[in-house]
Amino acid sequence: MNPIRIDVALLPHQVPVFQWRAPQISVYVKGRRAGGTHGAAKTAVRWALQSPIGQPLKQLWVDIKHGNITKYLKRFFLPALRPLGVNAYH
């Protein structure tokens, strides 16, 4: 069976913010066009994939509008998870 590859690479300016370790609480305040949403989504996927089996990683994604969260799921999370066979969310 071939390994499944998922792109969770960050841009150079995103690395200092999302340093591949899950802090207890992390708040990232940014302006538009900083790549924060995309970087945070990739980091969330990576942390979830690295969490030990049987010990799920708890993550909370917050936005001022539910429609934005739906948009983020479609635009950032589903494409990253398609190699695992995830094509929809509930």
N, C-alpha and C. Protein backbone atom coordinates (compact mmCIF):
# COMPACT_ATOMS: atom_id res chain seq x y z
N MET A 1 0.83 -1.18 0.00
CA MET A 1 0.00 0.00 0.00
C MET A 1 0.88 1.25 0.00
N ASN A 2 0.59 2.17 -0.87
CA ASN A 2 1.37 3.40 -0.96
C ASN A 2 0.99 4.35 0.17
N PRO A 3 1.97 5.10 0.70
CA PRO A 3 1.65 6.07 1.75
C PRO A 3 0.79 7.21 1.18
N ILE A 4 -0.05 7.75 2.03
CA ILE A 4 -0.89 8.88 1.65
C ILE A 4 -0.14 10.16 2.00
N ARG A 5 -0.06 11.06 1.05
CA ARG A 5 0.65 12.32 1.28
C ARG A 5 -0.38 13.46 1.42
N ILE A 6 -0.20 14.25 2.47
CA ILE A 6 -1.06 15.40 2.72
C ILE A 6 -0.16 16.63 2.83
N ASP A 7 -0.47 17.66 2.06
CA ASP A 7 0.34 18.88 2.07
C ASP A 7 -0.03 19.75 3.27
N VAL A 8 0.86 19.80 4.24
CA VAL A 8 0.66 20.68 5.39
C VAL A 8 1.85 21.63 5.55
N ALA A 9 2.57 21.86 4.46
CA ALA A 9 3.72 22.77 4.50
C ALA A 9 3.24 24.21 4.65
N LEU A 10 3.99 24.97 5.42
CA LEU A 10 3.67 26.37 5.64
C LEU A 10 4.56 27.28 4.82
N LEU A 11 4.10 28.49 4.61
CA LEU A 11 4.93 29.51 3.99
C LEU A 11 5.93 30.00 5.04
N PRO A 12 7.08 30.54 4.61
CA PRO A 12 8.11 30.95 5.57
C PRO A 12 7.61 31.92 6.65
N HIS A 13 6.73 32.86 6.29
CA HIS A 13 6.26 33.82 7.29
C HIS A 13 5.22 33.23 8.24
N GLN A 14 4.70 32.03 7.93
CA GLN A 14 3.74 31.38 8.81
C GLN A 14 4.42 30.52 9.88
N VAL A 15 5.63 30.08 9.61
CA VAL A 15 6.33 29.16 10.51
C VAL A 15 6.48 29.72 11.92
N PRO A 16 6.89 30.99 12.13
CA PRO A 16 7.03 31.48 13.50
C PRO A 16 5.71 31.46 14.28
N VAL A 17 4.59 31.59 13.59
CA VAL A 17 3.29 31.62 14.26
C VAL A 17 2.83 30.21 14.62
N PHE A 18 2.96 29.30 13.67
CA PHE A 18 2.49 27.92 13.85
C PHE A 18 3.71 27.00 13.89
N GLN A 19 4.34 26.87 15.03
CA GLN A 19 5.62 26.18 15.12
C GLN A 19 5.50 24.67 15.36
N TRP A 20 4.44 24.08 14.88
CA TRP A 20 4.26 22.63 14.90
C TRP A 20 4.15 22.02 16.29
N ARG A 21 3.88 22.79 17.28
CA ARG A 21 3.59 22.20 18.58
C ARG A 21 2.30 22.84 19.08
N ALA A 22 1.46 22.02 19.62
CA ALA A 22 0.14 22.47 20.05
C ALA A 22 0.21 23.09 21.45
N PRO A 23 0.09 24.40 21.55
CA PRO A 23 0.05 25.01 22.88
C PRO A 23 -1.31 24.76 23.51
N GLN A 24 -1.41 24.98 24.79
CA GLN A 24 -2.69 24.78 25.45
C GLN A 24 -3.72 25.76 24.89
N ILE A 25 -3.33 27.02 24.75
CA ILE A 25 -4.22 28.04 24.17
C ILE A 25 -3.38 28.88 23.22
N SER A 26 -3.90 29.10 22.03
CA SER A 26 -3.18 29.92 21.06
C SER A 26 -4.18 30.84 20.38
N VAL A 27 -3.91 32.14 20.41
CA VAL A 27 -4.75 33.12 19.75
C VAL A 27 -3.88 33.84 18.73
N TYR A 28 -4.35 33.86 17.50
CA TYR A 28 -3.60 34.49 16.42
C TYR A 28 -4.42 35.64 15.87
N VAL A 29 -4.04 36.85 16.21
CA VAL A 29 -4.72 38.05 15.74
C VAL A 29 -3.92 38.58 14.56
N LYS A 30 -4.58 38.79 13.45
CA LYS A 30 -3.87 39.17 12.23
C LYS A 30 -4.73 40.07 11.37
N GLY A 31 -4.12 40.63 10.37
CA GLY A 31 -4.85 41.38 9.36
C GLY A 31 -5.19 40.48 8.19
N ARG A 32 -5.88 41.03 7.23
CA ARG A 32 -6.23 40.26 6.05
C ARG A 32 -5.01 39.97 5.20
N ARG A 33 -5.10 38.95 4.42
CA ARG A 33 -4.07 38.56 3.46
C ARG A 33 -2.75 38.14 4.11
N ALA A 34 -2.78 37.75 5.36
CA ALA A 34 -1.56 37.30 6.03
C ALA A 34 -1.35 35.80 5.88
N GLY A 35 -2.33 35.11 5.34
CA GLY A 35 -2.23 33.67 5.20
C GLY A 35 -2.53 32.93 6.50
N GLY A 36 -3.12 33.62 7.45
CA GLY A 36 -3.37 33.03 8.75
C GLY A 36 -4.40 31.92 8.73
N THR A 37 -5.46 32.09 7.97
CA THR A 37 -6.50 31.07 7.92
C THR A 37 -5.96 29.79 7.29
N HIS A 38 -5.26 29.94 6.19
CA HIS A 38 -4.70 28.78 5.51
C HIS A 38 -3.65 28.09 6.38
N GLY A 39 -2.78 28.86 6.99
CA GLY A 39 -1.76 28.30 7.87
C GLY A 39 -2.36 27.63 9.10
N ALA A 40 -3.37 28.24 9.67
CA ALA A 40 -4.03 27.64 10.84
C ALA A 40 -4.73 26.35 10.47
N ALA A 41 -5.35 26.30 9.30
CA ALA A 41 -6.02 25.08 8.86
C ALA A 41 -5.01 23.96 8.65
N LYS A 42 -3.90 24.26 7.99
CA LYS A 42 -2.87 23.24 7.78
C LYS A 42 -2.30 22.75 9.10
N THR A 43 -2.10 23.66 10.04
CA THR A 43 -1.58 23.29 11.34
C THR A 43 -2.59 22.43 12.11
N ALA A 44 -3.87 22.78 12.03
CA ALA A 44 -4.90 21.99 12.71
C ALA A 44 -4.94 20.57 12.15
N VAL A 45 -4.84 20.43 10.84
CA VAL A 45 -4.82 19.10 10.22
C VAL A 45 -3.59 18.33 10.67
N ARG A 46 -2.45 18.99 10.67
CA ARG A 46 -1.21 18.30 11.07
C ARG A 46 -1.28 17.83 12.53
N TRP A 47 -1.74 18.72 13.43
CA TRP A 47 -1.85 18.34 14.83
C TRP A 47 -2.82 17.17 15.00
N ALA A 48 -3.93 17.19 14.27
CA ALA A 48 -4.90 16.10 14.38
C ALA A 48 -4.30 14.78 13.91
N LEU A 49 -3.55 14.83 12.82
CA LEU A 49 -2.94 13.61 12.30
C LEU A 49 -1.82 13.09 13.20
N GLN A 50 -1.19 13.97 13.94
CA GLN A 50 -0.09 13.57 14.82
C GLN A 50 -0.56 13.15 16.21
N SER A 51 -1.82 13.39 16.53
CA SER A 51 -2.30 13.03 17.87
C SER A 51 -2.35 11.51 18.00
N PRO A 52 -1.99 10.99 19.16
CA PRO A 52 -2.00 9.54 19.35
C PRO A 52 -3.40 8.96 19.19
N ILE A 53 -3.48 7.77 18.65
CA ILE A 53 -4.76 7.09 18.49
C ILE A 53 -5.35 6.85 19.88
N GLY A 54 -6.62 7.15 20.03
CA GLY A 54 -7.29 7.00 21.31
C GLY A 54 -7.20 8.23 22.20
N GLN A 55 -6.40 9.21 21.78
CA GLN A 55 -6.27 10.47 22.51
C GLN A 55 -6.55 11.62 21.54
N PRO A 56 -7.82 11.84 21.23
CA PRO A 56 -8.13 12.87 20.24
C PRO A 56 -7.69 14.25 20.69
N LEU A 57 -7.23 15.02 19.74
CA LEU A 57 -6.80 16.39 19.99
C LEU A 57 -8.03 17.29 19.92
N LYS A 58 -8.25 18.07 20.95
CA LYS A 58 -9.40 18.98 20.97
C LYS A 58 -8.97 20.31 20.37
N GLN A 59 -9.70 20.74 19.33
CA GLN A 59 -9.41 22.00 18.68
C GLN A 59 -10.71 22.77 18.53
N LEU A 60 -10.61 24.07 18.66
CA LEU A 60 -11.78 24.94 18.52
C LEU A 60 -11.47 26.01 17.49
N TRP A 61 -12.35 26.13 16.49
CA TRP A 61 -12.20 27.16 15.46
C TRP A 61 -13.32 28.15 15.66
N VAL A 62 -12.99 29.41 15.84
CA VAL A 62 -13.99 30.43 16.16
C VAL A 62 -13.99 31.51 15.10
N ASP A 63 -15.18 31.96 14.74
CA ASP A 63 -15.34 33.08 13.83
C ASP A 63 -16.60 33.82 14.22
N ILE A 64 -16.77 35.03 13.72
CA ILE A 64 -17.94 35.81 14.09
C ILE A 64 -19.21 35.35 13.37
N LYS A 65 -19.06 34.61 12.26
CA LYS A 65 -20.21 34.13 11.50
C LYS A 65 -20.06 32.64 11.19
N HIS A 66 -21.14 31.89 11.37
CA HIS A 66 -21.12 30.46 11.08
C HIS A 66 -20.82 30.22 9.60
N GLY A 67 -21.32 31.09 8.74
CA GLY A 67 -21.06 30.95 7.30
C GLY A 67 -19.58 30.97 6.97
N ASN A 68 -18.81 31.73 7.72
CA ASN A 68 -17.36 31.76 7.49
C ASN A 68 -16.74 30.41 7.81
N ILE A 69 -17.19 29.77 8.88
CA ILE A 69 -16.63 28.47 9.25
C ILE A 69 -16.95 27.44 8.17
N THR A 70 -18.17 27.47 7.65
CA THR A 70 -18.54 26.58 6.55
C THR A 70 -17.64 26.82 5.34
N LYS A 71 -17.38 28.08 5.04
CA LYS A 71 -16.50 28.44 3.93
C LYS A 71 -15.08 27.92 4.16
N TYR A 72 -14.57 28.05 5.38
CA TYR A 72 -13.23 27.56 5.68
C TYR A 72 -13.15 26.05 5.54
N LEU A 73 -14.18 25.34 6.00
CA LEU A 73 -14.20 23.89 5.85
C LEU A 73 -14.10 23.50 4.38
N LYS A 74 -14.88 24.14 3.54
CA LYS A 74 -14.89 23.81 2.11
C LYS A 74 -13.60 24.23 1.42
N ARG A 75 -13.08 25.39 1.78
CA ARG A 75 -11.93 25.95 1.07
C ARG A 75 -10.58 25.42 1.55
N PHE A 76 -10.45 25.13 2.83
CA PHE A 76 -9.14 24.76 3.38
C PHE A 76 -9.05 23.33 3.91
N PHE A 77 -10.04 22.90 4.68
CA PHE A 77 -9.94 21.59 5.33
C PHE A 77 -10.24 20.44 4.38
N LEU A 78 -11.34 20.51 3.63
CA LEU A 78 -11.69 19.38 2.75
C LEU A 78 -10.61 19.09 1.71
N PRO A 79 -10.04 20.10 1.04
CA PRO A 79 -8.97 19.78 0.09
C PRO A 79 -7.76 19.12 0.76
N ALA A 80 -7.45 19.52 1.98
CA ALA A 80 -6.30 18.93 2.68
C ALA A 80 -6.59 17.48 3.08
N LEU A 81 -7.85 17.17 3.34
CA LEU A 81 -8.21 15.83 3.83
C LEU A 81 -8.67 14.87 2.73
N ARG A 82 -8.80 15.34 1.50
CA ARG A 82 -9.25 14.46 0.41
C ARG A 82 -8.37 13.23 0.21
N PRO A 83 -7.04 13.35 0.36
CA PRO A 83 -6.22 12.13 0.22
C PRO A 83 -6.59 11.02 1.22
N LEU A 84 -7.24 11.39 2.32
CA LEU A 84 -7.68 10.39 3.30
C LEU A 84 -9.08 9.87 2.99
N GLY A 85 -9.69 10.36 1.92
CA GLY A 85 -11.03 9.92 1.55
C GLY A 85 -12.13 10.76 2.18
N VAL A 86 -11.77 11.89 2.80
CA VAL A 86 -12.78 12.77 3.39
C VAL A 86 -13.28 13.71 2.31
N ASN A 87 -14.55 13.59 1.95
CA ASN A 87 -15.12 14.42 0.90
C ASN A 87 -16.28 15.27 1.36
N ALA A 88 -16.70 15.11 2.61
CA ALA A 88 -17.83 15.87 3.14
C ALA A 88 -17.67 16.00 4.64
N TYR A 89 -18.46 16.85 5.24
CA TYR A 89 -18.47 17.02 6.69
C TYR A 89 -19.92 17.08 7.15
N HIS A 90 -20.11 16.90 8.44
CA HIS A 90 -21.46 16.93 9.02
C HIS A 90 -21.58 18.07 9.98
